Amino acid sequence: MNMRCQIDTHFDFRSDTPPGKDPDAFSPTLRRYHQFLWSKPLPGGVVFDLVDTTAQVYLHHHSEMGEFFLSSDSVVPSFKREPKIAHIIDEIPARELRAFNKIGYTIGGMMIFPGNRGGRKITLNGARGFHPRIKDRFDLTVECIRRYYNGENSPLDEPLERYADFFNLFEDFRGYVEFFLLQDMVAEDFPSVKFFMPFDGFKTSPLPASKQAYLSYKQHAIDFIQARNRRIQEFCSKQI
């Protein structure tokens, strides 16, 4: 059987991570899944071969297309530890939060991003986590990437420009979305992103402002992860 087909879209990457460690860095299953899924032809035809044998690098690619150092990130936050909405989180049953976190640590909730730093500047991963208009939300990150490809401004302009070589690999927004199996995040013809909460053009806080808003955000996020997991499974089944 092709190794690509050995991906369990229900696997919780916390389960094989040492206690107190981050699954993005320490789950061997997650690293293996990323390597299998994204070592495939780019839109231009060159295979994006990823290796896990480079010292102190999560995944590495080096070819005529360039050299790329990749890191993993769980991209759909539950905001369970976000102090600004602690009063809202306290209203959510613990079992619902546990279920949300569990699905968030399946492969549908995971991405790879460029992990190398230019000088002392923050990575894209760090920038999307710390920016007050993004707050780690993946739908907003994808909107920034869409705007980058379209030559439009966004809160992540600077880090996206720093990693232009990486985003050029996918040629355009459609290429990026299709490569990473993100079709369930966008409208059918790729013109717009499907947001987890009403979008106001990055004008206000990206955090849910009420219990109802949080529950809506949570359901949209879960729907996306489940849809992407199904898409990943379909992709794997075609690799036999």
Protein backbone atom coordinates (compact mmCIF):
# COMPACT_ATOMS: atom_id res chain seq x y z
CA MET A 1 0.00 0.00 0.00
CA ASN A 2 1.18 3.48 -0.81
CA MET A 3 2.27 5.17 2.43
CA ARG A 4 0.04 8.13 1.63
CA CYS A 5 -2.98 5.93 2.28
CA GLN A 6 -1.92 5.24 5.86
CA ILE A 7 -3.20 8.60 7.10
CA ASP A 8 -5.76 8.40 9.87
CA THR A 9 -7.80 11.61 9.72
CA HIS A 10 -9.14 10.92 13.23
CA PHE A 11 -5.69 10.68 14.84
CA ASP A 12 -5.13 13.19 17.67
CA PHE A 13 -1.49 14.29 17.44
CA ARG A 14 -1.38 15.03 21.14
CA SER A 15 -1.59 11.28 21.76
CA ASP A 16 1.97 10.54 20.59
CA THR A 17 3.52 13.77 21.85
CA PRO A 18 5.64 13.70 25.05
CA PRO A 19 3.84 15.32 28.01
CA GLY A 20 4.26 19.08 28.11
CA LYS A 21 5.53 19.27 24.52
CA ASP A 22 3.97 20.85 21.44
CA PRO A 23 2.55 18.35 18.90
CA ASP A 24 3.58 20.70 16.09
CA ALA A 25 7.21 20.02 16.94
CA PHE A 26 7.17 16.66 18.72
CA SER A 27 4.44 14.43 17.24
CA PRO A 28 6.25 11.96 14.94
CA THR A 29 2.96 11.02 13.29
CA LEU A 30 2.17 14.62 12.39
CA ARG A 31 5.58 15.15 10.83
CA ARG A 32 5.19 11.95 8.82
CA TYR A 33 1.71 12.96 7.63
CA HIS A 34 2.94 16.40 6.54
CA GLN A 35 5.83 14.81 4.69
CA PHE A 36 3.56 12.34 2.87
CA LEU A 37 0.84 14.83 2.00
CA TRP A 38 2.88 17.74 0.73
CA SER A 39 5.69 15.89 -1.06
CA LYS A 40 3.94 16.14 -4.41
CA PRO A 41 4.13 18.10 -7.67
CA LEU A 42 3.80 21.87 -7.47
CA PRO A 43 1.62 23.68 -10.05
CA GLY A 44 4.72 24.10 -12.22
CA GLY A 45 5.43 20.35 -12.18
CA VAL A 46 8.47 20.17 -9.88
CA VAL A 47 7.95 17.76 -6.99
CA PHE A 48 8.06 19.49 -3.61
CA ASP A 49 10.06 16.71 -1.96
CA LEU A 50 10.25 17.18 1.80
CA VAL A 51 12.84 15.47 3.97
CA ASP A 52 12.96 15.16 7.74
CA THR A 53 16.67 14.40 8.03
CA THR A 54 18.09 17.93 8.09
CA ALA A 55 19.42 18.73 11.55
CA GLN A 56 17.23 21.10 13.60
CA VAL A 57 14.75 21.50 10.73
CA TYR A 58 11.19 20.17 10.87
CA LEU A 59 10.89 19.56 7.10
CA HIS A 60 13.29 20.67 4.38
CA HIS A 61 13.17 21.10 0.61
CA HIS A 62 16.13 21.93 -1.61
CA SER A 63 15.93 21.90 -5.40
CA GLU A 64 16.20 24.18 -8.41
CA MET A 65 13.08 25.86 -7.00
CA GLY A 66 15.04 27.01 -3.97
CA GLU A 67 15.62 25.99 -0.36
CA PHE A 68 12.75 25.97 2.09
CA PHE A 69 12.60 25.29 5.82
CA LEU A 70 9.10 24.34 6.93
CA SER A 71 7.42 24.17 10.32
CA SER A 72 4.02 22.85 11.41
CA ASP A 73 1.17 24.76 13.00
CA SER A 74 -2.23 23.83 14.38
CA VAL A 75 -4.25 26.51 12.62
CA VAL A 76 -7.72 26.47 14.21
CA PRO A 77 -7.55 27.85 17.76
CA SER A 78 -10.24 27.12 20.34
CA PHE A 79 -9.27 30.30 22.25
CA LYS A 80 -9.55 28.23 25.42
CA ARG A 81 -6.68 30.18 27.00
CA GLU A 82 -7.46 33.60 25.52
CA PRO A 83 -7.84 35.90 28.55
CA LYS A 84 -9.86 38.51 26.67
CA ILE A 85 -12.76 36.11 26.22
CA ALA A 86 -12.32 34.00 29.37
CA HIS A 87 -15.82 35.01 30.48
CA ILE A 88 -17.23 33.52 27.28
CA ILE A 89 -15.15 30.35 27.44
CA ASP A 90 -16.38 29.78 30.98
CA GLU A 91 -19.91 29.47 29.57
CA ILE A 92 -18.96 26.64 27.20
CA PRO A 93 -19.28 23.10 28.59
CA ALA A 94 -15.88 21.49 29.14
CA ARG A 95 -16.82 18.47 27.02
CA GLU A 96 -17.51 20.76 24.04
CA LEU A 97 -14.14 22.45 24.41
CA ARG A 98 -12.42 19.07 24.67
CA ALA A 99 -14.15 17.88 21.51
CA PHE A 100 -13.20 21.09 19.68
CA ASN A 101 -9.56 20.76 20.72
CA LYS A 102 -9.52 17.09 19.73
CA ILE A 103 -10.68 17.68 16.18
CA GLY A 104 -8.36 20.69 15.97
CA TYR A 105 -5.43 18.32 16.46
CA THR A 106 -6.35 16.09 13.52
CA ILE A 107 -4.57 16.56 10.20
CA GLY A 108 -7.41 18.72 8.81
CA GLY A 109 -6.51 21.36 11.38
CA MET A 110 -2.78 21.38 10.55
CA MET A 111 -0.64 23.30 8.08
CA ILE A 112 2.99 23.86 7.21
CA PHE A 113 4.46 27.34 6.81
CA PRO A 114 7.98 28.65 6.16
CA GLY A 115 9.83 28.34 9.46
CA ASN A 116 13.11 30.14 8.81
CA ARG A 117 13.62 33.64 10.18
CA GLY A 118 15.09 36.51 8.27
CA GLY A 119 17.43 38.06 10.81
CA ARG A 120 15.54 38.54 14.05
CA LYS A 121 12.14 39.02 12.43
CA ILE A 122 9.12 36.99 13.47
CA THR A 123 7.98 34.07 11.32
CA LEU A 124 4.69 34.10 9.45
CA ASN A 125 3.38 31.64 12.03
CA GLY A 126 4.30 33.99 14.82
CA ALA A 127 2.95 37.04 13.01
CA ARG A 128 -0.47 35.52 12.46
CA GLY A 129 -0.62 34.46 16.09
CA PHE A 130 0.36 37.80 17.59
CA HIS A 131 -1.33 40.26 15.24
CA PRO A 132 -4.36 41.74 17.04
CA ARG A 133 -6.45 41.60 13.84
CA ILE A 134 -5.66 37.94 13.13
CA LYS A 135 -5.25 36.24 16.52
CA ASP A 136 -4.23 32.92 14.92
CA ARG A 137 -7.49 32.53 12.99
CA PHE A 138 -6.89 30.47 9.88
CA ASP A 139 -9.75 31.93 7.85
CA LEU A 140 -8.27 35.40 8.34
CA THR A 141 -4.80 34.08 7.50
CA VAL A 142 -6.10 32.60 4.26
CA GLU A 143 -7.77 35.93 3.46
CA CYS A 144 -4.39 37.63 3.91
CA ILE A 145 -2.82 35.09 1.57
CA ARG A 146 -5.60 35.65 -0.99
CA ARG A 147 -4.96 39.39 -0.82
CA TYR A 148 -1.22 38.82 -1.16
CA TYR A 149 -1.68 36.94 -4.43
CA ASN A 150 -4.11 39.62 -5.67
CA GLY A 151 -1.77 42.49 -4.80
CA GLU A 152 -4.08 43.78 -2.05
CA ASN A 153 -3.10 44.97 1.42
CA SER A 154 -3.63 42.96 4.61
CA PRO A 155 -2.36 42.88 8.20
CA LEU A 156 0.21 40.24 7.20
CA ASP A 157 1.75 42.14 4.26
CA GLU A 158 5.27 42.27 5.70
CA PRO A 159 5.77 38.59 6.64
CA LEU A 160 4.05 37.38 3.45
CA GLU A 161 6.41 39.51 1.37
CA ARG A 162 9.40 38.11 3.26
CA TYR A 163 8.34 34.60 2.26
CA ALA A 164 7.53 35.48 -1.35
CA ASP A 165 9.77 32.69 -2.66
CA PHE A 166 7.62 30.13 -0.83
CA PHE A 167 4.29 31.54 -2.04
CA ASN A 168 5.63 31.86 -5.58
CA LEU A 169 5.90 28.05 -5.64
CA PHE A 170 2.11 27.84 -5.94
CA GLU A 171 1.83 30.53 -8.66
CA ASP A 172 -1.50 31.98 -7.51
CA PHE A 173 -4.16 31.71 -4.82
CA ARG A 174 -5.91 28.83 -6.54
CA GLY A 175 -2.63 26.93 -6.76
CA TYR A 176 -1.99 27.45 -3.05
CA VAL A 177 -5.50 26.38 -2.06
CA GLU A 178 -5.48 23.28 -4.25
CA PHE A 179 -2.00 22.22 -3.18
CA PHE A 180 -2.89 22.30 0.52
CA LEU A 181 -6.43 20.93 -0.01
CA LEU A 182 -8.10 24.07 1.33
CA GLN A 183 -10.99 24.15 -1.14
CA ASP A 184 -13.53 24.03 1.69
CA MET A 185 -12.20 27.37 2.94
CA VAL A 186 -13.09 29.22 -0.27
CA ALA A 187 -16.03 29.89 -2.56
CA GLU A 188 -16.39 27.55 -5.52
CA ASP A 189 -14.53 29.64 -8.08
CA PHE A 190 -11.89 30.84 -5.57
CA PRO A 191 -12.92 34.51 -5.49
CA SER A 192 -13.48 34.73 -1.74
CA VAL A 193 -12.83 33.10 1.62
CA LYS A 194 -15.54 31.46 3.72
CA PHE A 195 -15.11 33.12 7.09
CA PHE A 196 -15.82 31.48 10.44
CA MET A 197 -17.44 34.71 11.69
CA PRO A 198 -18.81 37.82 9.91
CA PHE A 199 -15.89 39.67 8.31
CA ASP A 200 -15.52 43.45 8.45
CA GLY A 201 -12.23 43.93 6.61
CA PHE A 202 -9.93 43.58 9.63
CA LYS A 203 -11.46 46.62 11.32
CA THR A 204 -12.34 45.06 14.68
CA SER A 205 -11.18 42.29 17.01
CA PRO A 206 -11.22 38.82 15.44
CA LEU A 207 -12.30 37.28 18.76
CA PRO A 208 -15.92 36.24 19.30
CA ALA A 209 -17.77 38.85 21.34
CA SER A 210 -20.48 36.63 22.83
CA LYS A 211 -21.29 33.03 23.64
CA GLN A 212 -23.44 32.78 20.52
CA ALA A 213 -20.64 34.20 18.37
CA TYR A 214 -18.20 31.70 19.86
CA LEU A 215 -20.54 28.76 19.23
CA SER A 216 -20.99 29.89 15.63
CA TYR A 217 -17.22 30.27 15.19
CA LYS A 218 -16.66 26.83 16.70
CA GLN A 219 -19.18 25.14 14.43
CA HIS A 220 -17.82 26.77 11.27
CA ALA A 221 -14.28 25.80 12.28
CA ILE A 222 -15.28 22.19 12.98
CA ASP A 223 -17.17 21.98 9.68
CA PHE A 224 -14.05 23.14 7.83
CA ILE A 225 -11.73 20.68 9.59
CA GLN A 226 -14.10 17.77 8.97
CA ALA A 227 -14.49 18.71 5.32
CA ARG A 228 -10.73 19.02 4.87
CA ASN A 229 -10.20 15.67 6.59
CA ARG A 230 -12.58 14.09 4.09
CA ARG A 231 -10.74 15.81 1.24
CA ILE A 232 -7.39 14.55 2.57
CA GLN A 233 -8.79 11.03 2.80
CA GLU A 234 -10.06 11.25 -0.79
CA PHE A 235 -6.67 12.52 -1.93
CA CYS A 236 -4.95 9.62 -0.20
CA SER A 237 -7.27 7.04 -1.72
CA LYS A 238 -6.26 8.22 -5.20
CA GLN A 239 -2.57 7.58 -4.48
CA ILE A 240 -2.87 3.76 -4.51
